[in-house]
Amino acid sequence: MSLDSDKLLIEAFNANKELGLRRIMEKFQERVYWQIRRMTMNHQDTEDIMQNVFIKVWHNLPKFQGKSALYSWIYRIAYNETVTFLRKENKMKKQDIDQPLIQNSVIIEGKEWSGNEISALLKNAIATLPEKQAQVFELKYFDDLKYSEISEMLGTTVGGLKASYHLAVKKIEEILKAI
């Protein structure tokens, strides 16, 4: 995600808003989808929130100052829209009715776990974390982002992120060991 490519996307948007937004969506929509999906655990809600996110990008991109990477800015919009949606709909603890992310079964200590069970266990463990720890864990574990990228997105220090991630991993391990 270079600033040069961000600059080109913004220039394309300024030259032709519709075509520019289409290019921005092509570059970022999959990452935004999975970011939102992990929080909502539901495809339809994710699609609804994504639509709101890119409408906000459309309206607010002229105000974007370029102090961060374009994806960081879009990420914050997506995160805020998702949290607002979940609070409004009171869906923070909603169970996934869609297919699991893990399809195969695994045998752990003599017990066979299905993909549904593994997904549910991990989702439930993440749901017990404080919001900030869950967010840092998901960005690091699922998106495999560098701490510097997460720091830019969340506006916090790398040291603080490392501590949050470490605490999140320990809590998840404790929960999963207790099962």
C-alpha atoms as a PDB file:
ATOM      1  CA  MET A   1       0.000   0.000   0.000  1.00  0.00           C
ATOM      2  CA  SER A   2       2.267   2.730  -1.150  1.00  0.00           C
ATOM      3  CA  LEU A   3       1.401   6.352  -0.808  1.00  0.00           C
ATOM      4  CA  ASP A   4       2.082   6.738  -4.539  1.00  0.00           C
ATOM      5  CA  SER A   5      -0.702   4.296  -5.419  1.00  0.00           C
ATOM      6  CA  ASP A   6      -2.974   6.051  -2.887  1.00  0.00           C
ATOM      7  CA  LYS A   7      -2.197   9.336  -4.597  1.00  0.00           C
ATOM      8  CA  LEU A   8      -3.071   7.842  -7.993  1.00  0.00           C
ATOM      9  CA  LEU A   9      -6.375   6.508  -6.657  1.00  0.00           C
ATOM     10  CA  ILE A  10      -7.265   9.898  -5.207  1.00  0.00           C
ATOM     11  CA  GLU A  11      -6.309  11.645  -8.457  1.00  0.00           C
ATOM     12  CA  ALA A  12      -8.507   9.185 -10.377  1.00  0.00           C
ATOM     13  CA  PHE A  13     -11.375   9.927  -7.978  1.00  0.00           C
ATOM     14  CA  ASN A  14     -10.911  13.679  -8.389  1.00  0.00           C
ATOM     15  CA  ALA A  15     -10.886  13.338 -12.189  1.00  0.00           C
ATOM     16  CA  ASN A  16     -13.946  11.055 -12.341  1.00  0.00           C
ATOM     17  CA  LYS A  17     -15.679  10.273  -9.047  1.00  0.00           C
ATOM     18  CA  GLU A  18     -17.538   7.201 -10.291  1.00  0.00           C
ATOM     19  CA  LEU A  19     -14.543   5.582 -11.979  1.00  0.00           C
ATOM     20  CA  GLY A  20     -12.244   6.604  -9.129  1.00  0.00           C
ATOM     21  CA  LEU A  21     -14.514   5.069  -6.498  1.00  0.00           C
ATOM     22  CA  ARG A  22     -14.754   1.901  -8.562  1.00  0.00           C
ATOM     23  CA  ARG A  23     -10.943   1.654  -8.558  1.00  0.00           C
ATOM     24  CA  ILE A  24     -10.783   2.260  -4.813  1.00  0.00           C
ATOM     25  CA  MET A  25     -13.411  -0.424  -4.253  1.00  0.00           C
ATOM     26  CA  GLU A  26     -11.561  -2.889  -6.492  1.00  0.00           C
ATOM     27  CA  LYS A  27      -8.415  -2.392  -4.455  1.00  0.00           C
ATOM     28  CA  PHE A  28      -9.902  -2.451  -0.952  1.00  0.00           C
ATOM     29  CA  GLN A  29     -13.343  -4.066  -0.904  1.00  0.00           C
ATOM     30  CA  GLU A  30     -12.205  -7.620  -0.154  1.00  0.00           C
ATOM     31  CA  ARG A  31     -10.129  -6.530   2.841  1.00  0.00           C
ATOM     32  CA  VAL A  32     -12.941  -4.295   4.068  1.00  0.00           C
ATOM     33  CA  TYR A  33     -15.455  -7.131   3.608  1.00  0.00           C
ATOM     34  CA  TRP A  34     -13.484  -9.555   5.781  1.00  0.00           C
ATOM     35  CA  GLN A  35     -12.752  -6.890   8.384  1.00  0.00           C
ATOM     36  CA  ILE A  36     -16.474  -6.231   8.767  1.00  0.00           C
ATOM     37  CA  ARG A  37     -17.467  -9.888   8.422  1.00  0.00           C
ATOM     38  CA  ARG A  38     -15.319 -10.940  11.367  1.00  0.00           C
ATOM     39  CA  MET A  39     -17.173  -8.437  13.512  1.00  0.00           C
ATOM     40  CA  THR A  40     -20.723  -9.102  12.272  1.00  0.00           C
ATOM     41  CA  MET A  41     -20.336 -12.825  11.560  1.00  0.00           C
ATOM     42  CA  ASN A  42     -23.066 -12.453   8.940  1.00  0.00           C
ATOM     43  CA  HIS A  43     -22.821 -11.928   5.172  1.00  0.00           C
ATOM     44  CA  GLN A  44     -25.955  -9.795   4.730  1.00  0.00           C
ATOM     45  CA  ASP A  45     -25.060  -7.396   7.545  1.00  0.00           C
ATOM     46  CA  THR A  46     -21.550  -7.153   6.129  1.00  0.00           C
ATOM     47  CA  GLU A  47     -22.883  -6.226   2.685  1.00  0.00           C
ATOM     48  CA  ASP A  48     -25.160  -3.561   4.201  1.00  0.00           C
ATOM     49  CA  ILE A  49     -22.320  -2.033   6.220  1.00  0.00           C
ATOM     50  CA  MET A  50     -19.946  -2.122   3.237  1.00  0.00           C
ATOM     51  CA  GLN A  51     -22.440  -0.128   1.214  1.00  0.00           C
ATOM     52  CA  ASN A  52     -22.536   2.518   3.953  1.00  0.00           C
ATOM     53  CA  VAL A  53     -18.726   2.533   4.181  1.00  0.00           C
ATOM     54  CA  PHE A  54     -18.206   3.231   0.495  1.00  0.00           C
ATOM     55  CA  ILE A  55     -20.959   5.866   0.490  1.00  0.00           C
ATOM     56  CA  LYS A  56     -19.034   7.611   3.279  1.00  0.00           C
ATOM     57  CA  VAL A  57     -15.794   7.223   1.310  1.00  0.00           C
ATOM     58  CA  TRP A  58     -17.548   8.808  -1.701  1.00  0.00           C
ATOM     59  CA  HIS A  59     -18.750  11.784   0.337  1.00  0.00           C
ATOM     60  CA  ASN A  60     -15.658  12.301   2.476  1.00  0.00           C
ATOM     61  CA  LEU A  61     -12.727  11.524   0.180  1.00  0.00           C
ATOM     62  CA  PRO A  62     -12.400  15.190  -0.826  1.00  0.00           C
ATOM     63  CA  LYS A  63     -11.696  15.885   2.874  1.00  0.00           C
ATOM     64  CA  PHE A  64      -9.055  13.121   3.139  1.00  0.00           C
ATOM     65  CA  GLN A  65      -5.808  14.860   4.107  1.00  0.00           C
ATOM     66  CA  GLY A  66      -3.398  12.035   3.320  1.00  0.00           C
ATOM     67  CA  LYS A  67      -1.881  11.955   6.818  1.00  0.00           C
ATOM     68  CA  SER A  68      -2.316   8.166   6.789  1.00  0.00           C
ATOM     69  CA  ALA A  69      -2.560   5.494   4.123  1.00  0.00           C
ATOM     70  CA  LEU A  70      -5.852   5.447   2.256  1.00  0.00           C
ATOM     71  CA  TYR A  71      -6.656   1.949   3.540  1.00  0.00           C
ATOM     72  CA  SER A  72      -6.071   3.088   7.129  1.00  0.00           C
ATOM     73  CA  TRP A  73      -8.611   5.854   6.601  1.00  0.00           C
ATOM     74  CA  ILE A  74     -11.119   3.476   4.987  1.00  0.00           C
ATOM     75  CA  TYR A  75     -10.480   0.929   7.743  1.00  0.00           C
ATOM     76  CA  ARG A  76     -11.452   3.484  10.406  1.00  0.00           C
ATOM     77  CA  ILE A  77     -14.645   4.306   8.529  1.00  0.00           C
ATOM     78  CA  ALA A  78     -15.464   0.594   8.227  1.00  0.00           C
ATOM     79  CA  TYR A  79     -14.673  -0.083  11.873  1.00  0.00           C
ATOM     80  CA  ASN A  80     -16.775   2.850  13.094  1.00  0.00           C
ATOM     81  CA  GLU A  81     -19.686   1.927  10.809  1.00  0.00           C
ATOM     82  CA  THR A  82     -19.580  -1.672  12.022  1.00  0.00           C
ATOM     83  CA  VAL A  83     -19.467  -0.759  15.698  1.00  0.00           C
ATOM     84  CA  THR A  84     -22.337   1.700  15.197  1.00  0.00           C
ATOM     85  CA  PHE A  85     -24.364  -0.953  13.379  1.00  0.00           C
ATOM     86  CA  LEU A  86     -23.707  -3.605  16.013  1.00  0.00           C
ATOM     87  CA  ARG A  87     -24.592  -1.298  18.871  1.00  0.00           C
ATOM     88  CA  LYS A  88     -27.711  -0.104  17.096  1.00  0.00           C
ATOM     89  CA  GLU A  89     -28.831  -3.611  16.234  1.00  0.00           C
ATOM     90  CA  ASN A  90     -27.542  -5.115  19.494  1.00  0.00           C
ATOM     91  CA  LYS A  91     -25.814  -7.849  17.528  1.00  0.00           C
ATOM     92  CA  MET A  92     -22.401  -7.972  19.213  1.00  0.00           C
ATOM     93  CA  LYS A  93     -22.865 -11.600  20.325  1.00  0.00           C
ATOM     94  CA  LYS A  94     -24.760 -12.817  17.248  1.00  0.00           C
ATOM     95  CA  GLN A  95     -24.040 -16.379  16.115  1.00  0.00           C
ATOM     96  CA  ASP A  96     -22.984 -17.018  12.522  1.00  0.00           C
ATOM     97  CA  ILE A  97     -25.619 -18.626  10.334  1.00  0.00           C
ATOM     98  CA  ASP A  98     -23.367 -18.665   7.293  1.00  0.00           C
ATOM     99  CA  GLN A  99     -20.871 -21.366   6.441  1.00  0.00           C
ATOM    100  CA  PRO A 100     -17.808 -21.619   8.673  1.00  0.00           C
ATOM    101  CA  LEU A 101     -14.405 -20.378   7.606  1.00  0.00           C
ATOM    102  CA  ILE A 102     -12.889 -23.794   8.419  1.00  0.00           C
ATOM    103  CA  GLN A 103     -14.430 -26.743   6.554  1.00  0.00           C
ATOM    104  CA  ASN A 104     -12.421 -29.823   7.674  1.00  0.00           C
ATOM    105  CA  SER A 105     -12.455 -31.648  10.957  1.00  0.00           C
ATOM    106  CA  VAL A 106      -9.440 -31.855  13.257  1.00  0.00           C
ATOM    107  CA  ILE A 107      -8.611 -34.315  16.038  1.00  0.00           C
ATOM    108  CA  ILE A 108      -7.246 -32.652  19.188  1.00  0.00           C
ATOM    109  CA  GLU A 109      -6.414 -34.797  22.211  1.00  0.00           C
ATOM    110  CA  GLY A 110      -8.583 -37.629  20.959  1.00  0.00           C
ATOM    111  CA  LYS A 111     -11.672 -35.522  20.216  1.00  0.00           C
ATOM    112  CA  GLU A 112     -12.785 -34.731  16.680  1.00  0.00           C
ATOM    113  CA  TRP A 113     -13.706 -31.091  16.139  1.00  0.00           C
ATOM    114  CA  SER A 114     -15.651 -29.995  13.055  1.00  0.00           C
ATOM    115  CA  GLY A 115     -14.946 -26.798  11.183  1.00  0.00           C
ATOM    116  CA  ASN A 116     -18.130 -25.340  12.663  1.00  0.00           C
ATOM    117  CA  GLU A 117     -16.988 -26.149  16.188  1.00  0.00           C
ATOM    118  CA  ILE A 118     -13.503 -24.742  15.675  1.00  0.00           C
ATOM    119  CA  SER A 119     -14.869 -21.543  14.147  1.00  0.00           C
ATOM    120  CA  ALA A 120     -17.392 -21.160  16.941  1.00  0.00           C
ATOM    121  CA  LEU A 121     -14.771 -21.772  19.638  1.00  0.00           C
ATOM    122  CA  LEU A 122     -12.430 -19.150  18.218  1.00  0.00           C
ATOM    123  CA  LYS A 123     -15.242 -16.628  17.633  1.00  0.00           C
ATOM    124  CA  ASN A 124     -16.525 -17.131  21.160  1.00  0.00           C
ATOM    125  CA  ALA A 125     -13.036 -16.752  22.614  1.00  0.00           C
ATOM    126  CA  ILE A 126     -12.475 -13.531  20.660  1.00  0.00           C
ATOM    127  CA  ALA A 127     -15.899 -12.250  21.773  1.00  0.00           C
ATOM    128  CA  THR A 128     -14.776 -12.435  25.419  1.00  0.00           C
ATOM    129  CA  LEU A 129     -11.886 -10.033  24.800  1.00  0.00           C
ATOM    130  CA  PRO A 130     -12.137  -6.316  25.444  1.00  0.00           C
ATOM    131  CA  GLU A 131     -12.966  -4.502  22.198  1.00  0.00           C
ATOM    132  CA  LYS A 132      -9.446  -3.107  21.664  1.00  0.00           C
ATOM    133  CA  GLN A 133      -7.749  -6.482  22.249  1.00  0.00           C
ATOM    134  CA  ALA A 134     -10.177  -8.230  19.914  1.00  0.00           C
ATOM    135  CA  GLN A 135      -9.559  -5.620  17.225  1.00  0.00           C
ATOM    136  CA  VAL A 136      -5.761  -5.881  17.515  1.00  0.00           C
ATOM    137  CA  PHE A 137      -5.906  -9.694  17.572  1.00  0.00           C
ATOM    138  CA  GLU A 138      -8.052  -9.847  14.439  1.00  0.00           C
ATOM    139  CA  LEU A 139      -5.881  -7.393  12.508  1.00  0.00           C
ATOM    140  CA  LYS A 140      -2.686  -9.219  13.445  1.00  0.00           C
ATOM    141  CA  TYR A 141      -3.910 -12.820  13.331  1.00  0.00           C
ATOM    142  CA  PHE A 142      -6.396 -12.780  10.446  1.00  0.00           C
ATOM    143  CA  ASP A 143      -5.081  -9.908   8.309  1.00  0.00           C
ATOM    144  CA  ASP A 144      -1.415 -10.568   9.153  1.00  0.00           C
ATOM    145  CA  LEU A 145      -0.755  -6.840   9.327  1.00  0.00           C
ATOM    146  CA  LYS A 146       2.459  -5.414  10.723  1.00  0.00           C
ATOM    147  CA  TYR A 147       2.280  -3.633  14.052  1.00  0.00           C
ATOM    148  CA  SER A 148       3.268  -0.384  12.306  1.00  0.00           C
ATOM    149  CA  GLU A 149       0.254  -0.695   9.975  1.00  0.00           C
ATOM    150  CA  ILE A 150      -2.104  -1.439  12.859  1.00  0.00           C
ATOM    151  CA  SER A 151      -0.610   1.465  14.802  1.00  0.00           C
ATOM    152  CA  GLU A 152      -1.390   3.813  11.941  1.00  0.00           C
ATOM    153  CA  MET A 153      -4.947   2.480  11.634  1.00  0.00           C
ATOM    154  CA  LEU A 154      -5.770   2.669  15.310  1.00  0.00           C
ATOM    155  CA  GLY A 155      -3.702   5.690  16.250  1.00  0.00           C
ATOM    156  CA  THR A 156      -1.862   3.926  19.056  1.00  0.00           C
ATOM    157  CA  THR A 157       1.721   2.981  19.801  1.00  0.00           C
ATOM    158  CA  VAL A 158       3.384  -0.172  18.535  1.00  0.00           C
ATOM    159  CA  GLY A 159       4.326  -1.095  22.109  1.00  0.00           C
ATOM    160  CA  GLY A 160       0.724  -0.793  23.231  1.00  0.00           C
ATOM    161  CA  LEU A 161      -0.399  -2.951  20.314  1.00  0.00           C
ATOM    162  CA  LYS A 162       2.142  -5.649  21.121  1.00  0.00           C
ATOM    163  CA  ALA A 163       0.941  -5.719  24.707  1.00  0.00           C
ATOM    164  CA  SER A 164      -2.716  -5.899  23.617  1.00  0.00           C
ATOM    165  CA  TYR A 165      -1.964  -8.707  21.165  1.00  0.00           C
ATOM    166  CA  HIS A 166       0.032 -10.657  23.733  1.00  0.00           C
ATOM    167  CA  LEU A 167      -2.764 -10.345  26.309  1.00  0.00           C
ATOM    168  CA  ALA A 168      -5.368 -11.351  23.721  1.00  0.00           C
ATOM    169  CA  VAL A 169      -3.402 -14.455  22.713  1.00  0.00           C
ATOM    170  CA  LYS A 170      -2.956 -15.487  26.365  1.00  0.00           C
ATOM    171  CA  LYS A 171      -6.677 -15.058  27.094  1.00  0.00           C
ATOM    172  CA  ILE A 172      -7.685 -17.017  23.994  1.00  0.00           C
ATOM    173  CA  GLU A 173      -5.230 -19.792  24.866  1.00  0.00           C
ATOM    174  CA  GLU A 174      -6.654 -19.989  28.397  1.00  0.00           C
ATOM    175  CA  ILE A 175     -10.208 -20.203  27.085  1.00  0.00           C
ATOM    176  CA  LEU A 176      -9.360 -22.873  24.519  1.00  0.00           C
ATOM    177  CA  LYS A 177      -7.322 -24.931  27.031  1.00  0.00           C
ATOM    178  CA  ALA A 178     -10.304 -24.967  29.397  1.00  0.00           C
ATOM    179  CA  ILE A 179     -12.470 -26.668  26.771  1.00  0.00           C
END
